[in-house]
Amino acid sequence: LLPAIISDGQSSSNRSILALPGFIL
């Protein structure tokens, strides 16, 4: 989620998708 959190702008499921494996684990 970090790249999305430190980005300025609206929320983005694109910038945050690398968190998905952690959620599945």
mmCIF file of all heavy atoms, coordinates in Angstrom:
data_MODEL
# 
_entry.id   MODEL 
# 
loop_
_atom_site.group_PDB 
_atom_site.id 
_atom_site.type_symbol 
_atom_site.label_atom_id 
_atom_site.label_alt_id 
_atom_site.label_comp_id 
_atom_site.label_asym_id 
_atom_site.label_entity_id 
_atom_site.label_seq_id 
_atom_site.pdbx_PDB_ins_code 
_atom_site.Cartn_x 
_atom_site.Cartn_y 
_atom_site.Cartn_z 
_atom_site.occupancy 
_atom_site.B_iso_or_equiv 
_atom_site.pdbx_formal_charge 
_atom_site.auth_seq_id 
_atom_site.auth_comp_id 
_atom_site.auth_asym_id 
_atom_site.auth_atom_id 
_atom_site.pdbx_PDB_model_num 
ATOM 1   N N   . LEU A 1 1  ? 0.817   -1.215  0.000   1.00 0.00 ? 1  LEU A N   1 
ATOM 2   C CA  . LEU A 1 1  ? 0.000   0.000   0.000   1.00 0.00 ? 1  LEU A CA  1 
ATOM 3   C C   . LEU A 1 1  ? 0.854   1.270   0.000   1.00 0.00 ? 1  LEU A C   1 
ATOM 4   O O   . LEU A 1 1  ? 0.374   2.345   -0.382  1.00 0.00 ? 1  LEU A O   1 
ATOM 5   C CB  . LEU A 1 1  ? -0.918  0.030   1.228   1.00 0.00 ? 1  LEU A CB  1 
ATOM 6   C CG  . LEU A 1 1  ? -2.018  -1.022  1.306   1.00 0.00 ? 1  LEU A CG  1 
ATOM 7   C CD1 . LEU A 1 1  ? -2.759  -0.898  2.634   1.00 0.00 ? 1  LEU A CD1 1 
ATOM 8   C CD2 . LEU A 1 1  ? -3.007  -0.864  0.144   1.00 0.00 ? 1  LEU A CD2 1 
ATOM 9   N N   . LEU A 1 2  ? 2.101   1.152   0.431   1.00 0.00 ? 2  LEU A N   1 
ATOM 10  C CA  . LEU A 1 2  ? 2.941   2.334   0.647   1.00 0.00 ? 2  LEU A CA  1 
ATOM 11  C C   . LEU A 1 2  ? 3.069   3.249   -0.575  1.00 0.00 ? 2  LEU A C   1 
ATOM 12  O O   . LEU A 1 2  ? 2.937   4.478   -0.427  1.00 0.00 ? 2  LEU A O   1 
ATOM 13  C CB  . LEU A 1 2  ? 4.334   1.897   1.124   1.00 0.00 ? 2  LEU A CB  1 
ATOM 14  C CG  . LEU A 1 2  ? 5.294   3.029   1.509   1.00 0.00 ? 2  LEU A CG  1 
ATOM 15  C CD1 . LEU A 1 2  ? 4.711   3.865   2.637   1.00 0.00 ? 2  LEU A CD1 1 
ATOM 16  C CD2 . LEU A 1 2  ? 6.657   2.472   1.902   1.00 0.00 ? 2  LEU A CD2 1 
ATOM 17  N N   . PRO A 1 3  ? 3.312   2.728   -1.785  1.00 0.00 ? 3  PRO A N   1 
ATOM 18  C CA  . PRO A 1 3  ? 3.420   3.647   -2.933  1.00 0.00 ? 3  PRO A CA  1 
ATOM 19  C C   . PRO A 1 3  ? 2.155   4.475   -3.137  1.00 0.00 ? 3  PRO A C   1 
ATOM 20  O O   . PRO A 1 3  ? 2.227   5.632   -3.564  1.00 0.00 ? 3  PRO A O   1 
ATOM 21  C CB  . PRO A 1 3  ? 3.651   2.699   -4.114  1.00 0.00 ? 3  PRO A CB  1 
ATOM 22  C CG  . PRO A 1 3  ? 4.208   1.464   -3.509  1.00 0.00 ? 3  PRO A CG  1 
ATOM 23  C CD  . PRO A 1 3  ? 3.543   1.336   -2.172  1.00 0.00 ? 3  PRO A CD  1 
ATOM 24  N N   . ALA A 1 4  ? 1.001   3.876   -2.846  1.00 0.00 ? 4  ALA A N   1 
ATOM 25  C CA  . ALA A 1 4  ? -0.256  4.606   -2.988  1.00 0.00 ? 4  ALA A CA  1 
ATOM 26  C C   . ALA A 1 4  ? -0.440  5.616   -1.862  1.00 0.00 ? 4  ALA A C   1 
ATOM 27  O O   . ALA A 1 4  ? -0.916  6.735   -2.073  1.00 0.00 ? 4  ALA A O   1 
ATOM 28  C CB  . ALA A 1 4  ? -1.432  3.620   -3.002  1.00 0.00 ? 4  ALA A CB  1 
ATOM 29  N N   . ILE A 1 5  ? -0.035  5.232   -0.655  1.00 0.00 ? 5  ILE A N   1 
ATOM 30  C CA  . ILE A 1 5  ? -0.194  6.108   0.506   1.00 0.00 ? 5  ILE A CA  1 
ATOM 31  C C   . ILE A 1 5  ? 0.638   7.373   0.362   1.00 0.00 ? 5  ILE A C   1 
ATOM 32  O O   . ILE A 1 5  ? 0.201   8.472   0.727   1.00 0.00 ? 5  ILE A O   1 
ATOM 33  C CB  . ILE A 1 5  ? 0.177   5.352   1.800   1.00 0.00 ? 5  ILE A CB  1 
ATOM 34  C CG1 . ILE A 1 5  ? -0.885  4.285   2.106   1.00 0.00 ? 5  ILE A CG1 1 
ATOM 35  C CG2 . ILE A 1 5  ? 0.320   6.305   2.983   1.00 0.00 ? 5  ILE A CG2 1 
ATOM 36  C CD1 . ILE A 1 5  ? -0.517  3.353   3.242   1.00 0.00 ? 5  ILE A CD1 1 
ATOM 37  N N   . ILE A 1 6  ? 1.838   7.254   -0.176  1.00 0.00 ? 6  ILE A N   1 
ATOM 38  C CA  . ILE A 1 6  ? 2.717   8.424   -0.286  1.00 0.00 ? 6  ILE A CA  1 
ATOM 39  C C   . ILE A 1 6  ? 2.505   9.196   -1.586  1.00 0.00 ? 6  ILE A C   1 
ATOM 40  O O   . ILE A 1 6  ? 3.228   10.154  -1.870  1.00 0.00 ? 6  ILE A O   1 
ATOM 41  C CB  . ILE A 1 6  ? 4.209   8.020   -0.157  1.00 0.00 ? 6  ILE A CB  1 
ATOM 42  C CG1 . ILE A 1 6  ? 4.625   7.089   -1.298  1.00 0.00 ? 6  ILE A CG1 1 
ATOM 43  C CG2 . ILE A 1 6  ? 4.477   7.388   1.202   1.00 0.00 ? 6  ILE A CG2 1 
ATOM 44  C CD1 . ILE A 1 6  ? 6.101   6.717   -1.272  1.00 0.00 ? 6  ILE A CD1 1 
ATOM 45  N N   . SER A 1 7  ? 1.506   8.782   -2.389  1.00 0.00 ? 7  SER A N   1 
ATOM 46  C CA  . SER A 1 7  ? 1.180   9.520   -3.609  1.00 0.00 ? 7  SER A CA  1 
ATOM 47  C C   . SER A 1 7  ? 0.152   10.595  -3.308  1.00 0.00 ? 7  SER A C   1 
ATOM 48  O O   . SER A 1 7  ? -0.759  10.392  -2.504  1.00 0.00 ? 7  SER A O   1 
ATOM 49  C CB  . SER A 1 7  ? 0.636   8.575   -4.678  1.00 0.00 ? 7  SER A CB  1 
ATOM 50  O OG  . SER A 1 7  ? 1.622   7.647   -5.074  1.00 0.00 ? 7  SER A OG  1 
ATOM 51  N N   . ASP A 1 8  ? 0.301   11.723  -3.962  1.00 0.00 ? 8  ASP A N   1 
ATOM 52  C CA  . ASP A 1 8  ? -0.655  12.820  -3.788  1.00 0.00 ? 8  ASP A CA  1 
ATOM 53  C C   . ASP A 1 8  ? -1.754  12.668  -4.829  1.00 0.00 ? 8  ASP A C   1 
ATOM 54  O O   . ASP A 1 8  ? -1.495  12.616  -6.022  1.00 0.00 ? 8  ASP A O   1 
ATOM 55  C CB  . ASP A 1 8  ? 0.049   14.171  -3.962  1.00 0.00 ? 8  ASP A CB  1 
ATOM 56  C CG  . ASP A 1 8  ? -0.813  15.335  -3.506  1.00 0.00 ? 8  ASP A CG  1 
ATOM 57  O OD1 . ASP A 1 8  ? -1.279  15.309  -2.360  1.00 0.00 ? 8  ASP A OD1 1 
ATOM 58  O OD2 . ASP A 1 8  ? -1.019  16.267  -4.308  1.00 0.00 ? 8  ASP A OD2 1 
ATOM 59  N N   . GLY A 1 9  ? -2.968  12.582  -4.397  1.00 0.00 ? 9  GLY A N   1 
ATOM 60  C CA  . GLY A 1 9  ? -4.078  12.399  -5.321  1.00 0.00 ? 9  GLY A CA  1 
ATOM 61  C C   . GLY A 1 9  ? -5.098  11.436  -4.763  1.00 0.00 ? 9  GLY A C   1 
ATOM 62  O O   . GLY A 1 9  ? -4.994  10.972  -3.627  1.00 0.00 ? 9  GLY A O   1 
ATOM 63  N N   . GLN A 1 10 ? -6.090  11.113  -5.580  1.00 0.00 ? 10 GLN A N   1 
ATOM 64  C CA  . GLN A 1 10 ? -7.166  10.242  -5.138  1.00 0.00 ? 10 GLN A CA  1 
ATOM 65  C C   . GLN A 1 10 ? -6.688  8.806   -4.946  1.00 0.00 ? 10 GLN A C   1 
ATOM 66  O O   . GLN A 1 10 ? -5.634  8.419   -5.438  1.00 0.00 ? 10 GLN A O   1 
ATOM 67  C CB  . GLN A 1 10 ? -8.313  10.266  -6.154  1.00 0.00 ? 10 GLN A CB  1 
ATOM 68  C CG  . GLN A 1 10 ? -7.934  9.731   -7.519  1.00 0.00 ? 10 GLN A CG  1 
ATOM 69  C CD  . GLN A 1 10 ? -9.083  9.785   -8.514  1.00 0.00 ? 10 GLN A CD  1 
ATOM 70  O OE1 . GLN A 1 10 ? -10.204 10.107  -8.161  1.00 0.00 ? 10 GLN A OE1 1 
ATOM 71  N NE2 . GLN A 1 10 ? -8.810  9.465   -9.762  1.00 0.00 ? 10 GLN A NE2 1 
ATOM 72  N N   . SER A 1 11 ? -7.485  8.049   -4.222  1.00 0.00 ? 11 SER A N   1 
ATOM 73  C CA  . SER A 1 11 ? -7.147  6.642   -3.989  1.00 0.00 ? 11 SER A CA  1 
ATOM 74  C C   . SER A 1 11 ? -7.058  5.901   -5.319  1.00 0.00 ? 11 SER A C   1 
ATOM 75  O O   . SER A 1 11 ? -7.752  6.228   -6.276  1.00 0.00 ? 11 SER A O   1 
ATOM 76  C CB  . SER A 1 11 ? -8.198  5.987   -3.097  1.00 0.00 ? 11 SER A CB  1 
ATOM 77  O OG  . SER A 1 11 ? -8.263  6.631   -1.850  1.00 0.00 ? 11 SER A OG  1 
ATOM 78  N N   . SER A 1 12 ? -6.218  4.887   -5.354  1.00 0.00 ? 12 SER A N   1 
ATOM 79  C CA  . SER A 1 12 ? -6.014  4.150   -6.595  1.00 0.00 ? 12 SER A CA  1 
ATOM 80  C C   . SER A 1 12 ? -5.788  2.676   -6.291  1.00 0.00 ? 12 SER A C   1 
ATOM 81  O O   . SER A 1 12 ? -4.809  2.319   -5.638  1.00 0.00 ? 12 SER A O   1 
ATOM 82  C CB  . SER A 1 12 ? -4.819  4.717   -7.363  1.00 0.00 ? 12 SER A CB  1 
ATOM 83  O OG  . SER A 1 12 ? -4.450  3.861   -8.418  1.00 0.00 ? 12 SER A OG  1 
ATOM 84  N N   . SER A 1 13 ? -6.669  1.827   -6.801  1.00 0.00 ? 13 SER A N   1 
ATOM 85  C CA  . SER A 1 13 ? -6.467  0.381   -6.652  1.00 0.00 ? 13 SER A CA  1 
ATOM 86  C C   . SER A 1 13 ? -5.312  -0.083  -7.520  1.00 0.00 ? 13 SER A C   1 
ATOM 87  O O   . SER A 1 13 ? -4.751  -1.157  -7.306  1.00 0.00 ? 13 SER A O   1 
ATOM 88  C CB  . SER A 1 13 ? -7.747  -0.367  -7.037  1.00 0.00 ? 13 SER A CB  1 
ATOM 89  O OG  . SER A 1 13 ? -8.073  -0.143  -8.403  1.00 0.00 ? 13 SER A OG  1 
ATOM 90  N N   . ASN A 1 14 ? -4.944  0.703   -8.506  1.00 0.00 ? 14 ASN A N   1 
ATOM 91  C CA  . ASN A 1 14 ? -3.828  0.369   -9.391  1.00 0.00 ? 14 ASN A CA  1 
ATOM 92  C C   . ASN A 1 14 ? -2.494  0.500   -8.663  1.00 0.00 ? 14 ASN A C   1 
ATOM 93  O O   . ASN A 1 14 ? -1.678  -0.426  -8.659  1.00 0.00 ? 14 ASN A O   1 
ATOM 94  C CB  . ASN A 1 14 ? -3.863  1.294   -10.611 1.00 0.00 ? 14 ASN A CB  1 
ATOM 95  C CG  . ASN A 1 14 ? -2.894  0.869   -11.695 1.00 0.00 ? 14 ASN A CG  1 
ATOM 96  O OD1 . ASN A 1 14 ? -2.678  -0.306  -11.933 1.00 0.00 ? 14 ASN A OD1 1 
ATOM 97  N ND2 . ASN A 1 14 ? -2.291  1.846   -12.349 1.00 0.00 ? 14 ASN A ND2 1 
ATOM 98  N N   . ARG A 1 15 ? -2.266  1.637   -8.022  1.00 0.00 ? 15 ARG A N   1 
ATOM 99  C CA  . ARG A 1 15 ? -0.994  1.867   -7.334  1.00 0.00 ? 15 ARG A CA  1 
ATOM 100 C C   . ARG A 1 15 ? -0.820  0.969   -6.111  1.00 0.00 ? 15 ARG A C   1 
ATOM 101 O O   . ARG A 1 15 ? 0.298   0.782   -5.639  1.00 0.00 ? 15 ARG A O   1 
ATOM 102 C CB  . ARG A 1 15 ? -0.890  3.335   -6.897  1.00 0.00 ? 15 ARG A CB  1 
ATOM 103 C CG  . ARG A 1 15 ? -0.644  4.308   -8.029  1.00 0.00 ? 15 ARG A CG  1 
ATOM 104 C CD  . ARG A 1 15 ? -0.245  5.678   -7.507  1.00 0.00 ? 15 ARG A CD  1 
ATOM 105 N NE  . ARG A 1 15 ? -1.309  6.303   -6.754  1.00 0.00 ? 15 ARG A NE  1 
ATOM 106 C CZ  . ARG A 1 15 ? -2.183  7.156   -7.260  1.00 0.00 ? 15 ARG A CZ  1 
ATOM 107 N NH1 . ARG A 1 15 ? -2.113  7.484   -8.540  1.00 0.00 ? 15 ARG A NH1 1 
ATOM 108 N NH2 . ARG A 1 15 ? -3.127  7.695   -6.506  1.00 0.00 ? 15 ARG A NH2 1 
ATOM 109 N N   . SER A 1 16 ? -1.914  0.416   -5.599  1.00 0.00 ? 16 SER A N   1 
ATOM 110 C CA  . SER A 1 16 ? -1.852  -0.340  -4.344  1.00 0.00 ? 16 SER A CA  1 
ATOM 111 C C   . SER A 1 16 ? -1.962  -1.844  -4.519  1.00 0.00 ? 16 SER A C   1 
ATOM 112 O O   . SER A 1 16 ? -1.986  -2.589  -3.536  1.00 0.00 ? 16 SER A O   1 
ATOM 113 C CB  . SER A 1 16 ? -2.970  0.136   -3.408  1.00 0.00 ? 16 SER A CB  1 
ATOM 114 O OG  . SER A 1 16 ? -4.239  0.047   -4.045  1.00 0.00 ? 16 SER A OG  1 
ATOM 115 N N   . ILE A 1 17 ? -2.006  -2.338  -5.751  1.00 0.00 ? 17 ILE A N   1 
ATOM 116 C CA  . ILE A 1 17 ? -2.307  -3.754  -5.979  1.00 0.00 ? 17 ILE A CA  1 
ATOM 117 C C   . ILE A 1 17 ? -1.206  -4.685  -5.475  1.00 0.00 ? 17 ILE A C   1 
ATOM 118 O O   . ILE A 1 17 ? -1.449  -5.881  -5.226  1.00 0.00 ? 17 ILE A O   1 
ATOM 119 C CB  . ILE A 1 17 ? -2.587  -4.022  -7.468  1.00 0.00 ? 17 ILE A CB  1 
ATOM 120 C CG1 . ILE A 1 17 ? -3.263  -5.394  -7.629  1.00 0.00 ? 17 ILE A CG1 1 
ATOM 121 C CG2 . ILE A 1 17 ? -1.305  -3.930  -8.285  1.00 0.00 ? 17 ILE A CG2 1 
ATOM 122 C CD1 . ILE A 1 17 ? -3.740  -5.682  -9.026  1.00 0.00 ? 17 ILE A CD1 1 
ATOM 123 N N   . LEU A 1 18 ? 0.006   -4.190  -5.275  1.00 0.00 ? 18 LEU A N   1 
ATOM 124 C CA  . LEU A 1 18 ? 1.066   -5.068  -4.771  1.00 0.00 ? 18 LEU A CA  1 
ATOM 125 C C   . LEU A 1 18 ? 0.807   -5.515  -3.338  1.00 0.00 ? 18 LEU A C   1 
ATOM 126 O O   . LEU A 1 18 ? 1.499   -6.398  -2.825  1.00 0.00 ? 18 LEU A O   1 
ATOM 127 C CB  . LEU A 1 18 ? 2.423   -4.365  -4.858  1.00 0.00 ? 18 LEU A CB  1 
ATOM 128 C CG  . LEU A 1 18 ? 2.896   -4.013  -6.277  1.00 0.00 ? 18 LEU A CG  1 
ATOM 129 C CD1 . LEU A 1 18 ? 4.288   -3.386  -6.237  1.00 0.00 ? 18 LEU A CD1 1 
ATOM 130 C CD2 . LEU A 1 18 ? 2.896   -5.241  -7.186  1.00 0.00 ? 18 LEU A CD2 1 
ATOM 131 N N   . ALA A 1 19 ? -0.210  -4.939  -2.689  1.00 0.00 ? 19 ALA A N   1 
ATOM 132 C CA  . ALA A 1 19 ? -0.608  -5.390  -1.350  1.00 0.00 ? 19 ALA A CA  1 
ATOM 133 C C   . ALA A 1 19 ? -1.473  -6.648  -1.396  1.00 0.00 ? 19 ALA A C   1 
ATOM 134 O O   . ALA A 1 19 ? -1.670  -7.298  -0.363  1.00 0.00 ? 19 ALA A O   1 
ATOM 135 C CB  . ALA A 1 19 ? -1.368  -4.277  -0.626  1.00 0.00 ? 19 ALA A CB  1 
ATOM 136 N N   . LEU A 1 20 ? -1.977  -6.999  -2.574  1.00 0.00 ? 20 LEU A N   1 
ATOM 137 C CA  . LEU A 1 20 ? -2.921  -8.120  -2.672  1.00 0.00 ? 20 LEU A CA  1 
ATOM 138 C C   . LEU A 1 20 ? -2.366  -9.444  -2.145  1.00 0.00 ? 20 LEU A C   1 
ATOM 139 O O   . LEU A 1 20 ? -3.065  -10.152 -1.413  1.00 0.00 ? 20 LEU A O   1 
ATOM 140 C CB  . LEU A 1 20 ? -3.399  -8.263  -4.116  1.00 0.00 ? 20 LEU A CB  1 
ATOM 141 C CG  . LEU A 1 20 ? -4.380  -9.392  -4.413  1.00 0.00 ? 20 LEU A CG  1 
ATOM 142 C CD1 . LEU A 1 20 ? -5.598  -9.332  -3.509  1.00 0.00 ? 20 LEU A CD1 1 
ATOM 143 C CD2 . LEU A 1 20 ? -4.795  -9.372  -5.883  1.00 0.00 ? 20 LEU A CD2 1 
ATOM 144 N N   . PRO A 1 21 ? -1.137  -9.853  -2.458  1.00 0.00 ? 21 PRO A N   1 
ATOM 145 C CA  . PRO A 1 21 ? -0.629  -11.121 -1.897  1.00 0.00 ? 21 PRO A CA  1 
ATOM 146 C C   . PRO A 1 21 ? -0.614  -11.124 -0.372  1.00 0.00 ? 21 PRO A C   1 
ATOM 147 O O   . PRO A 1 21 ? -0.855  -12.173 0.245   1.00 0.00 ? 21 PRO A O   1 
ATOM 148 C CB  . PRO A 1 21 ? 0.793   -11.209 -2.466  1.00 0.00 ? 21 PRO A CB  1 
ATOM 149 C CG  . PRO A 1 21 ? 0.757   -10.393 -3.707  1.00 0.00 ? 21 PRO A CG  1 
ATOM 150 C CD  . PRO A 1 21 ? -0.173  -9.260  -3.413  1.00 0.00 ? 21 PRO A CD  1 
ATOM 151 N N   . GLY A 1 22 ? -0.324  -9.982  0.240   1.00 0.00 ? 22 GLY A N   1 
ATOM 152 C CA  . GLY A 1 22 ? -0.355  -9.896  1.696   1.00 0.00 ? 22 GLY A CA  1 
ATOM 153 C C   . GLY A 1 22 ? -1.750  -10.110 2.243   1.00 0.00 ? 22 GLY A C   1 
ATOM 154 O O   . GLY A 1 22 ? -1.936  -10.812 3.253   1.00 0.00 ? 22 GLY A O   1 
ATOM 155 N N   . PHE A 1 23 ? -2.746  -9.531  1.586   1.00 0.00 ? 23 PHE A N   1 
ATOM 156 C CA  . PHE A 1 23 ? -4.132  -9.741  2.000   1.00 0.00 ? 23 PHE A CA  1 
ATOM 157 C C   . PHE A 1 23 ? -4.505  -11.217 1.891   1.00 0.00 ? 23 PHE A C   1 
ATOM 158 O O   . PHE A 1 23 ? -5.154  -11.780 2.787   1.00 0.00 ? 23 PHE A O   1 
ATOM 159 C CB  . PHE A 1 23 ? -5.086  -8.903  1.141   1.00 0.00 ? 23 PHE A CB  1 
ATOM 160 C CG  . PHE A 1 23 ? -5.237  -7.479  1.597   1.00 0.00 ? 23 PHE A CG  1 
ATOM 161 C CD1 . PHE A 1 23 ? -4.718  -6.435  0.856   1.00 0.00 ? 23 PHE A CD1 1 
ATOM 162 C CD2 . PHE A 1 23 ? -5.911  -7.178  2.776   1.00 0.00 ? 23 PHE A CD2 1 
ATOM 163 C CE1 . PHE A 1 23 ? -4.855  -5.114  1.264   1.00 0.00 ? 23 PHE A CE1 1 
ATOM 164 C CE2 . PHE A 1 23 ? -6.064  -5.858  3.205   1.00 0.00 ? 23 PHE A CE2 1 
ATOM 165 C CZ  . PHE A 1 23 ? -5.529  -4.827  2.449   1.00 0.00 ? 23 PHE A CZ  1 
ATOM 166 N N   . ILE A 1 24 ? -4.110  -11.858 0.798   1.00 0.00 ? 24 ILE A N   1 
ATOM 167 C CA  . ILE A 1 24 ? -4.455  -13.276 0.608   1.00 0.00 ? 24 ILE A CA  1 
ATOM 168 C C   . ILE A 1 24 ? -3.761  -14.143 1.647   1.00 0.00 ? 24 ILE A C   1 
ATOM 169 O O   . ILE A 1 24 ? -4.373  -15.078 2.197   1.00 0.00 ? 24 ILE A O   1 
ATOM 170 C CB  . ILE A 1 24 ? -4.111  -13.714 -0.832  1.00 0.00 ? 24 ILE A CB  1 
ATOM 171 C CG1 . ILE A 1 24 ? -5.057  -13.024 -1.818  1.00 0.00 ? 24 ILE A CG1 1 
ATOM 172 C CG2 . ILE A 1 24 ? -4.201  -15.235 -0.973  1.00 0.00 ? 24 ILE A CG2 1 
ATOM 173 C CD1 . ILE A 1 24 ? -4.814  -13.355 -3.265  1.00 0.00 ? 24 ILE A CD1 1 
ATOM 174 N N   . LEU A 1 25 ? -2.510  -13.846 1.947   1.00 0.00 ? 25 LEU A N   1 
ATOM 175 C CA  . LEU A 1 25 ? -1.818  -14.603 2.989   1.00 0.00 ? 25 LEU A CA  1 
ATOM 176 C C   . LEU A 1 25 ? -2.528  -14.427 4.331   1.00 0.00 ? 25 LEU A C   1 
ATOM 177 O O   . LEU A 1 25 ? -2.706  -15.407 5.083   1.00 0.00 ? 25 LEU A O   1 
ATOM 178 C CB  . LEU A 1 25 ? -0.369  -14.139 3.105   1.00 0.00 ? 25 LEU A CB  1 
ATOM 179 C CG  . LEU A 1 25 ? 0.478   -14.802 4.205   1.00 0.00 ? 25 LEU A CG  1 
ATOM 180 C CD1 . LEU A 1 25 ? 0.477   -16.323 4.056   1.00 0.00 ? 25 LEU A CD1 1 
ATOM 181 C CD2 . LEU A 1 25 ? 1.900   -14.268 4.192   1.00 0.00 ? 25 LEU A CD2 1 
# 
